[in-house]
């Protein structure tokens, strides 16, 4: 298994549902306290987990895990969370 990280944005009201769905598949979420939505609508954060999927399939898998919750997956990458390209 390889560790991955994914940037996500989500409305604060949906965070607890997202955390529960991520927990069910062994992933965690951490809010990025330094990222600010100018409109004040979204929280930004990082999903971290482990997978054996090819890197280009991680986004599709996360879409399935988070279907119906309202999270938007911005980018994903294997390796330390701070290595996700902008």
PDB file of N, CA and C in Angstrom:
ATOM      1  N   UNK A   1       0.846  -1.186   0.000  1.00  0.00           N
ATOM      2  CA  UNK A   1       0.000   0.000   0.000  1.00  0.00           C
ATOM      3  C   UNK A   1       0.889   1.247   0.000  1.00  0.00           C
ATOM      4  N   UNK A   2       0.438   2.239  -0.765  1.00  0.00           N
ATOM      5  CA  UNK A   2       1.152   3.511  -0.829  1.00  0.00           C
ATOM      6  C   UNK A   2       0.267   4.610  -0.249  1.00  0.00           C
ATOM      7  N   UNK A   3       0.900   5.549   0.443  1.00  0.00           N
ATOM      8  CA  UNK A   3       0.166   6.653   1.048  1.00  0.00           C
ATOM      9  C   UNK A   3      -0.104   7.721  -0.009  1.00  0.00           C
ATOM     10  N   UNK A   4      -1.349   8.244   0.001  1.00  0.00           N
ATOM     11  CA  UNK A   4      -1.706   9.306  -0.925  1.00  0.00           C
ATOM     12  C   UNK A   4      -2.316  10.473  -0.165  1.00  0.00           C
ATOM     13  N   UNK A   5      -2.382  11.598  -0.839  1.00  0.00           N
ATOM     14  CA  UNK A   5      -3.060  12.775  -0.304  1.00  0.00           C
ATOM     15  C   UNK A   5      -3.875  13.393  -1.421  1.00  0.00           C
ATOM     16  N   UNK A   6      -5.005  13.976  -1.055  1.00  0.00           N
ATOM     17  CA  UNK A   6      -5.879  14.640  -2.019  1.00  0.00           C
ATOM     18  C   UNK A   6      -6.391  15.942  -1.427  1.00  0.00           C
ATOM     19  N   UNK A   7      -6.327  17.011  -2.218  1.00  0.00           N
ATOM     20  CA  UNK A   7      -6.888  18.289  -1.804  1.00  0.00           C
ATOM     21  C   UNK A   7      -8.388  18.259  -2.069  1.00  0.00           C
ATOM     22  N   UNK A   8      -9.164  18.709  -1.090  1.00  0.00           N
ATOM     23  CA  UNK A   8     -10.616  18.753  -1.254  1.00  0.00           C
ATOM     24  C   UNK A   8     -11.163  20.094  -0.777  1.00  0.00           C
ATOM     25  N   UNK A   9     -12.326  20.455  -1.310  1.00  0.00           N
ATOM     26  CA  UNK A   9     -13.069  21.578  -0.749  1.00  0.00           C
ATOM     27  C   UNK A   9     -14.476  21.090  -0.488  1.00  0.00           C
ATOM     28  N   UNK A  10     -15.060  21.612   0.576  1.00  0.00           N
ATOM     29  CA  UNK A  10     -16.356  21.116   1.032  1.00  0.00           C
ATOM     30  C   UNK A  10     -17.042  22.188   1.870  1.00  0.00           C
ATOM     31  N   UNK A  11     -18.362  22.195   1.829  1.00  0.00           N
ATOM     32  CA  UNK A  11     -19.098  23.103   2.701  1.00  0.00           C
ATOM     33  C   UNK A  11     -18.996  22.590   4.134  1.00  0.00           C
ATOM     34  N   UNK A  12     -18.819  23.479   5.098  1.00  0.00           N
ATOM     35  CA  UNK A  12     -18.671  23.052   6.497  1.00  0.00           C
ATOM     36  C   UNK A  12     -19.790  22.132   6.989  1.00  0.00           C
ATOM     37  N   UNK A  13     -21.009  22.314   6.524  1.00  0.00           N
ATOM     38  CA  UNK A  13     -22.136  21.483   6.974  1.00  0.00           C
ATOM     39  C   UNK A  13     -21.982  20.022   6.546  1.00  0.00           C
ATOM     40  N   UNK A  14     -21.131  19.745   5.543  1.00  0.00           N
ATOM     41  CA  UNK A  14     -20.967  18.393   5.015  1.00  0.00           C
ATOM     42  C   UNK A  14     -19.711  17.678   5.532  1.00  0.00           C
ATOM     43  N   UNK A  15     -18.921  18.355   6.351  1.00  0.00           N
ATOM     44  CA  UNK A  15     -17.653  17.775   6.795  1.00  0.00           C
ATOM     45  C   UNK A  15     -17.864  16.491   7.598  1.00  0.00           C
ATOM     46  N   UNK A  16     -18.817  16.464   8.516  1.00  0.00           N
ATOM     47  CA  UNK A  16     -18.972  15.259   9.346  1.00  0.00           C
ATOM     48  C   UNK A  16     -19.372  14.048   8.504  1.00  0.00           C
ATOM     49  N   UNK A  17     -20.219  14.215   7.497  1.00  0.00           N
ATOM     50  CA  UNK A  17     -20.579  13.097   6.606  1.00  0.00           C
ATOM     51  C   UNK A  17     -19.363  12.640   5.810  1.00  0.00           C
ATOM     52  N   UNK A  18     -18.545  13.587   5.364  1.00  0.00           N
ATOM     53  CA  UNK A  18     -17.340  13.232   4.615  1.00  0.00           C
ATOM     54  C   UNK A  18     -16.371  12.468   5.505  1.00  0.00           C
ATOM     55  N   UNK A  19     -16.162  12.924   6.717  1.00  0.00           N
ATOM     56  CA  UNK A  19     -15.239  12.259   7.644  1.00  0.00           C
ATOM     57  C   UNK A  19     -15.709  10.832   7.917  1.00  0.00           C
ATOM     58  N   UNK A  20     -17.007  10.626   8.081  1.00  0.00           N
ATOM     59  CA  UNK A  20     -17.533   9.283   8.320  1.00  0.00           C
ATOM     60  C   UNK A  20     -17.295   8.376   7.114  1.00  0.00           C
ATOM     61  N   UNK A  21     -17.543   8.887   5.908  1.00  0.00           N
ATOM     62  CA  UNK A  21     -17.327   8.088   4.694  1.00  0.00           C
ATOM     63  C   UNK A  21     -15.846   7.760   4.520  1.00  0.00           C
ATOM     64  N   UNK A  22     -14.982   8.723   4.788  1.00  0.00           N
ATOM     65  CA  UNK A  22     -13.537   8.485   4.668  1.00  0.00           C
ATOM     66  C   UNK A  22     -13.054   7.488   5.711  1.00  0.00           C
ATOM     67  N   UNK A  23     -13.555   7.615   6.914  1.00  0.00           N
ATOM     68  CA  UNK A  23     -13.166   6.705   7.992  1.00  0.00           C
ATOM     69  C   UNK A  23     -13.523   5.263   7.648  1.00  0.00           C
ATOM     70  N   UNK A  24     -14.652   5.068   6.986  1.00  0.00           N
ATOM     71  CA  UNK A  24     -15.106   3.721   6.616  1.00  0.00           C
ATOM     72  C   UNK A  24     -14.150   3.024   5.657  1.00  0.00           C
ATOM     73  N   UNK A  25     -13.330   3.820   4.928  1.00  0.00           N
ATOM     74  CA  UNK A  25     -12.363   3.233   3.993  1.00  0.00           C
ATOM     75  C   UNK A  25     -10.922   3.466   4.445  1.00  0.00           C
ATOM     76  N   UNK A  26     -10.755   3.851   5.709  1.00  0.00           N
ATOM     77  CA  UNK A  26      -9.415   3.987   6.280  1.00  0.00           C
ATOM     78  C   UNK A  26      -8.689   5.274   5.949  1.00  0.00           C
ATOM     79  N   UNK A  27      -9.426   6.317   5.585  1.00  0.00           N
ATOM     80  CA  UNK A  27      -8.806   7.608   5.261  1.00  0.00           C
ATOM     81  C   UNK A  27      -9.124   8.634   6.347  1.00  0.00           C
ATOM     82  N   UNK A  28      -8.360   9.708   6.361  1.00  0.00           N
ATOM     83  CA  UNK A  28      -8.568  10.794   7.316  1.00  0.00           C
ATOM     84  C   UNK A  28      -8.694  12.121   6.561  1.00  0.00           C
ATOM     85  N   UNK A  29      -9.225  13.127   7.251  1.00  0.00           N
ATOM     86  CA  UNK A  29      -9.374  14.470   6.694  1.00  0.00           C
ATOM     87  C   UNK A  29      -8.824  15.468   7.702  1.00  0.00           C
ATOM     88  N   UNK A  30      -8.111  16.456   7.192  1.00  0.00           N
ATOM     89  CA  UNK A  30      -7.635  17.559   8.029  1.00  0.00           C
ATOM     90  C   UNK A  30      -7.926  18.867   7.309  1.00  0.00           C
ATOM     91  N   UNK A  31      -8.568  19.789   8.004  1.00  0.00           N
ATOM     92  CA  UNK A  31      -8.865  21.109   7.447  1.00  0.00           C
ATOM     93  C   UNK A  31      -7.577  21.906   7.337  1.00  0.00           C
ATOM     94  N   UNK A  32      -7.438  22.613   6.229  1.00  0.00           N
ATOM     95  CA  UNK A  32      -6.301  23.514   6.038  1.00  0.00           C
ATOM     96  C   UNK A  32      -6.705  24.868   6.608  1.00  0.00           C
ATOM     97  N   UNK A  33      -6.230  25.159   7.802  1.00  0.00           N
ATOM     98  CA  UNK A  33      -6.610  26.394   8.488  1.00  0.00           C
ATOM     99  C   UNK A  33      -6.060  27.647   7.816  1.00  0.00           C
ATOM    100  N   UNK A  34      -5.050  27.488   6.961  1.00  0.00           N
ATOM    101  CA  UNK A  34      -4.448  28.636   6.278  1.00  0.00           C
ATOM    102  C   UNK A  34      -5.135  28.981   4.962  1.00  0.00           C
ATOM    103  N   UNK A  35      -5.917  28.066   4.418  1.00  0.00           N
ATOM    104  CA  UNK A  35      -6.611  28.306   3.146  1.00  0.00           C
ATOM    105  C   UNK A  35      -7.943  28.990   3.422  1.00  0.00           C
ATOM    106  N   UNK A  36      -8.221  30.022   2.677  1.00  0.00           N
ATOM    107  CA  UNK A  36      -9.457  30.785   2.886  1.00  0.00           C
ATOM    108  C   UNK A  36     -10.231  30.894   1.578  1.00  0.00           C
ATOM    109  N   UNK A  37     -11.514  30.620   1.652  1.00  0.00           N
ATOM    110  CA  UNK A  37     -12.415  30.834   0.528  1.00  0.00           C
ATOM    111  C   UNK A  37     -12.857  32.290   0.587  1.00  0.00           C
ATOM    112  N   UNK A  38     -12.539  33.081  -0.440  1.00  0.00           N
ATOM    113  CA  UNK A  38     -12.915  34.502  -0.402  1.00  0.00           C
ATOM    114  C   UNK A  38     -14.415  34.718  -0.192  1.00  0.00           C
ATOM    115  N   UNK A  39     -15.237  33.790  -0.679  1.00  0.00           N
ATOM    116  CA  UNK A  39     -16.682  33.918  -0.507  1.00  0.00           C
ATOM    117  C   UNK A  39     -17.150  33.368   0.836  1.00  0.00           C
ATOM    118  N   UNK A  40     -16.269  32.670   1.552  1.00  0.00           N
ATOM    119  CA  UNK A  40     -16.617  32.127   2.857  1.00  0.00           C
ATOM    120  C   UNK A  40     -17.550  30.937   2.823  1.00  0.00           C
ATOM    121  N   UNK A  41     -17.646  30.260   1.678  1.00  0.00           N
ATOM    122  CA  UNK A  41     -18.572  29.143   1.539  1.00  0.00           C
ATOM    123  C   UNK A  41     -17.928  27.803   1.859  1.00  0.00           C
ATOM    124  N   UNK A  42     -16.691  27.620   1.461  1.00  0.00           N
ATOM    125  CA  UNK A  42     -16.044  26.305   1.534  1.00  0.00           C
ATOM    126  C   UNK A  42     -14.909  26.232   2.534  1.00  0.00           C
ATOM    127  N   UNK A  43     -14.697  25.023   3.056  1.00  0.00           N
ATOM    128  CA  UNK A  43     -13.487  24.682   3.795  1.00  0.00           C
ATOM    129  C   UNK A  43     -12.567  23.947   2.834  1.00  0.00           C
ATOM    130  N   UNK A  44     -11.287  24.151   2.987  1.00  0.00           N
ATOM    131  CA  UNK A  44     -10.295  23.437   2.203  1.00  0.00           C
ATOM    132  C   UNK A  44      -9.558  22.488   3.131  1.00  0.00           C
ATOM    133  N   UNK A  45      -9.168  21.341   2.610  1.00  0.00           N
ATOM    134  CA  UNK A  45      -8.441  20.404   3.444  1.00  0.00           C
ATOM    135  C   UNK A  45      -7.773  19.314   2.648  1.00  0.00           C
ATOM    136  N   UNK A  46      -7.264  18.336   3.390  1.00  0.00           N
ATOM    137  CA  UNK A  46      -6.491  17.254   2.815  1.00  0.00           C
ATOM    138  C   UNK A  46      -7.041  15.917   3.280  1.00  0.00           C
ATOM    139  N   UNK A  47      -7.284  15.033   2.334  1.00  0.00           N
ATOM    140  CA  UNK A  47      -7.634  13.642   2.619  1.00  0.00           C
ATOM    141  C   UNK A  47      -6.349  12.838   2.499  1.00  0.00           C
ATOM    142  N   UNK A  48      -6.084  11.993   3.474  1.00  0.00           N
ATOM    143  CA  UNK A  48      -4.888  11.140   3.439  1.00  0.00           C
ATOM    144  C   UNK A  48      -5.337   9.701   3.655  1.00  0.00           C
ATOM    145  N   UNK A  49      -4.757   8.806   2.876  1.00  0.00           N
ATOM    146  CA  UNK A  49      -5.078   7.389   2.998  1.00  0.00           C
ATOM    147  C   UNK A  49      -4.024   6.538   2.324  1.00  0.00           C
ATOM    148  N   UNK A  50      -4.328   5.256   2.187  1.00  0.00           N
ATOM    149  CA  UNK A  50      -3.425   4.322   1.521  1.00  0.00           C
ATOM    150  C   UNK A  50      -4.202   3.543   0.481  1.00  0.00           C
ATOM    151  N   UNK A  51      -3.531   3.232  -0.634  1.00  0.00           N
ATOM    152  CA  UNK A  51      -4.177   2.504  -1.710  1.00  0.00           C
ATOM    153  C   UNK A  51      -3.133   1.783  -2.550  1.00  0.00           C
ATOM    154  N   UNK A  52      -3.600   0.815  -3.305  1.00  0.00           N
ATOM    155  CA  UNK A  52      -2.764   0.139  -4.293  1.00  0.00           C
ATOM    156  C   UNK A  52      -3.204   0.500  -5.707  1.00  0.00           C
ATOM    157  N   UNK A  53      -4.196   1.379  -5.835  1.00  0.00           N
ATOM    158  CA  UNK A  53      -4.678   1.783  -7.152  1.00  0.00           C
ATOM    159  C   UNK A  53      -3.611   2.558  -7.914  1.00  0.00           C
ATOM    160  N   UNK A  54      -3.654   2.516  -9.247  1.00  0.00           N
ATOM    161  CA  UNK A  54      -2.807   3.421 -10.014  1.00  0.00           C
ATOM    162  C   UNK A  54      -3.169   4.869  -9.662  1.00  0.00           C
ATOM    163  N   UNK A  55      -2.195   5.744  -9.642  1.00  0.00           N
ATOM    164  CA  UNK A  55      -2.432   7.121  -9.211  1.00  0.00           C
ATOM    165  C   UNK A  55      -3.562   7.794  -9.996  1.00  0.00           C
ATOM    166  N   UNK A  56      -3.663   7.511 -11.294  1.00  0.00           N
ATOM    167  CA  UNK A  56      -4.695   8.178 -12.100  1.00  0.00           C
ATOM    168  C   UNK A  56      -6.103   7.681 -11.781  1.00  0.00           C
ATOM    169  N   UNK A  57      -6.254   6.627 -10.961  1.00  0.00           N
ATOM    170  CA  UNK A  57      -7.570   6.112 -10.569  1.00  0.00           C
ATOM    171  C   UNK A  57      -8.008   6.569  -9.173  1.00  0.00           C
ATOM    172  N   UNK A  58      -7.113   7.219  -8.442  1.00  0.00           N
ATOM    173  CA  UNK A  58      -7.462   7.646  -7.078  1.00  0.00           C
ATOM    174  C   UNK A  58      -8.636   8.619  -7.048  1.00  0.00           C
ATOM    175  N   UNK A  59      -8.652   9.571  -7.954  1.00  0.00           N
ATOM    176  CA  UNK A  59      -9.734  10.551  -7.983  1.00  0.00           C
ATOM    177  C   UNK A  59     -11.090   9.910  -8.213  1.00  0.00           C
ATOM    178  N   UNK A  60     -11.155   8.958  -9.150  1.00  0.00           N
ATOM    179  CA  UNK A  60     -12.417   8.257  -9.404  1.00  0.00           C
ATOM    180  C   UNK A  60     -12.870   7.474  -8.174  1.00  0.00           C
ATOM    181  N   UNK A  61     -11.917   6.817  -7.506  1.00  0.00           N
ATOM    182  CA  UNK A  61     -12.246   6.054  -6.302  1.00  0.00           C
ATOM    183  C   UNK A  61     -12.780   6.980  -5.209  1.00  0.00           C
ATOM    184  N   UNK A  62     -12.113   8.116  -5.003  1.00  0.00           N
ATOM    185  CA  UNK A  62     -12.586   9.063  -3.992  1.00  0.00           C
ATOM    186  C   UNK A  62     -13.956   9.624  -4.360  1.00  0.00           C
ATOM    187  N   UNK A  63     -14.199   9.843  -5.653  1.00  0.00           N
ATOM    188  CA  UNK A  63     -15.527  10.293  -6.081  1.00  0.00           C
ATOM    189  C   UNK A  63     -16.609   9.302  -5.658  1.00  0.00           C
ATOM    190  N   UNK A  64     -16.320   8.008  -5.795  1.00  0.00           N
ATOM    191  CA  UNK A  64     -17.286   6.984  -5.394  1.00  0.00           C
ATOM    192  C   UNK A  64     -17.477   7.003  -3.875  1.00  0.00           C
ATOM    193  N   UNK A  65     -16.382   7.077  -3.134  1.00  0.00           N
ATOM    194  CA  UNK A  65     -16.457   7.097  -1.668  1.00  0.00           C
ATOM    195  C   UNK A  65     -17.271   8.291  -1.179  1.00  0.00           C
ATOM    196  N   UNK A  66     -17.103   9.426  -1.833  1.00  0.00           N
ATOM    197  CA  UNK A  66     -17.734  10.664  -1.364  1.00  0.00           C
ATOM    198  C   UNK A  66     -18.986  11.039  -2.146  1.00  0.00           C
ATOM    199  N   UNK A  67     -19.484  10.137  -2.975  1.00  0.00           N
ATOM    200  CA  UNK A  67     -20.668  10.414  -3.797  1.00  0.00           C
ATOM    201  C   UNK A  67     -21.837  10.863  -2.933  1.00  0.00           C
ATOM    202  N   UNK A  68     -22.442  11.967  -3.343  1.00  0.00           N
ATOM    203  CA  UNK A  68     -23.619  12.474  -2.654  1.00  0.00           C
ATOM    204  C   UNK A  68     -23.321  13.352  -1.446  1.00  0.00           C
ATOM    205  N   UNK A  69     -22.056  13.498  -1.097  1.00  0.00           N
ATOM    206  CA  UNK A  69     -21.705  14.284   0.093  1.00  0.00           C
ATOM    207  C   UNK A  69     -21.432  15.738  -0.263  1.00  0.00           C
ATOM    208  N   UNK A  70     -20.987  16.008  -1.465  1.00  0.00           N
ATOM    209  CA  UNK A  70     -20.756  17.388  -1.871  1.00  0.00           C
ATOM    210  C   UNK A  70     -19.304  17.823  -1.818  1.00  0.00           C
ATOM    211  N   UNK A  71     -18.390  16.907  -1.573  1.00  0.00           N
ATOM    212  CA  UNK A  71     -16.972  17.257  -1.574  1.00  0.00           C
ATOM    213  C   UNK A  71     -16.458  17.338  -3.003  1.00  0.00           C
ATOM    214  N   UNK A  72     -15.606  18.309  -3.260  1.00  0.00           N
ATOM    215  CA  UNK A  72     -14.973  18.458  -4.569  1.00  0.00           C
ATOM    216  C   UNK A  72     -13.498  18.104  -4.422  1.00  0.00           C
ATOM    217  N   UNK A  73     -13.065  17.082  -5.140  1.00  0.00           N
ATOM    218  CA  UNK A  73     -11.669  16.644  -5.079  1.00  0.00           C
ATOM    219  C   UNK A  73     -10.886  17.439  -6.110  1.00  0.00           C
ATOM    220  N   UNK A  74      -9.935  18.218  -5.634  1.00  0.00           N
ATOM    221  CA  UNK A  74      -9.181  19.119  -6.501  1.00  0.00           C
ATOM    222  C   UNK A  74      -8.011  18.417  -7.171  1.00  0.00           C
ATOM    223  N   UNK A  75      -7.214  17.691  -6.403  1.00  0.00           N
ATOM    224  CA  UNK A  75      -6.038  17.006  -6.941  1.00  0.00           C
ATOM    225  C   UNK A  75      -5.635  15.909  -5.980  1.00  0.00           C
ATOM    226  N   UNK A  76      -4.824  14.979  -6.456  1.00  0.00           N
ATOM    227  CA  UNK A  76      -4.371  13.858  -5.629  1.00  0.00           C
ATOM    228  C   UNK A  76      -3.012  13.421  -6.113  1.00  0.00           C
ATOM    229  N   UNK A  77      -2.296  12.756  -5.211  1.00  0.00           N
ATOM    230  CA  UNK A  77      -0.927  12.362  -5.529  1.00  0.00           C
ATOM    231  C   UNK A  77      -0.440  11.357  -4.491  1.00  0.00           C
ATOM    232  N   UNK A  78       0.326  10.375  -4.941  1.00  0.00           N
ATOM    233  CA  UNK A  78       1.001   9.498  -3.984  1.00  0.00           C
ATOM    234  C   UNK A  78       2.175  10.250  -3.387  1.00  0.00           C
ATOM    235  N   UNK A  79       2.476   9.958  -2.145  1.00  0.00           N
ATOM    236  CA  UNK A  79       3.590  10.596  -1.454  1.00  0.00           C
ATOM    237  C   UNK A  79       3.092  11.514  -0.361  1.00  0.00           C
ATOM    238  N   UNK A  80       3.991  12.189   0.308  1.00  0.00           N
ATOM    239  CA  UNK A  80       3.617  13.079   1.407  1.00  0.00           C
ATOM    240  C   UNK A  80       2.629  14.152   0.955  1.00  0.00           C
ATOM    241  N   UNK A  81       1.693  14.524   1.810  1.00  0.00           N
ATOM    242  CA  UNK A  81       0.690  15.524   1.441  1.00  0.00           C
ATOM    243  C   UNK A  81       1.276  16.832   0.933  1.00  0.00           C
ATOM    244  N   UNK A  82       2.401  17.235   1.444  1.00  0.00           N
ATOM    245  CA  UNK A  82       2.977  18.511   1.013  1.00  0.00           C
ATOM    246  C   UNK A  82       3.601  18.432  -0.358  1.00  0.00           C
ATOM    247  N   UNK A  83       3.564  17.260  -0.993  1.00  0.00           N
ATOM    248  CA  UNK A  83       4.129  17.105  -2.340  1.00  0.00           C
ATOM    249  C   UNK A  83       3.074  17.230  -3.429  1.00  0.00           C
ATOM    250  N   UNK A  84       1.822  17.493  -3.101  1.00  0.00           N
ATOM    251  CA  UNK A  84       0.789  17.636  -4.128  1.00  0.00           C
ATOM    252  C   UNK A  84       1.088  18.893  -4.933  1.00  0.00           C
ATOM    253  N   UNK A  85       1.139  18.776  -6.268  1.00  0.00           N
ATOM    254  CA  UNK A  85       1.433  19.950  -7.087  1.00  0.00           C
ATOM    255  C   UNK A  85       0.265  20.932  -7.089  1.00  0.00           C
ATOM    256  N   UNK A  86       0.578  22.205  -7.192  1.00  0.00           N
ATOM    257  CA  UNK A  86      -0.465  23.237  -7.269  1.00  0.00           C
ATOM    258  C   UNK A  86      -1.056  23.287  -8.661  1.00  0.00           C
TER     259      UNK A  86
END
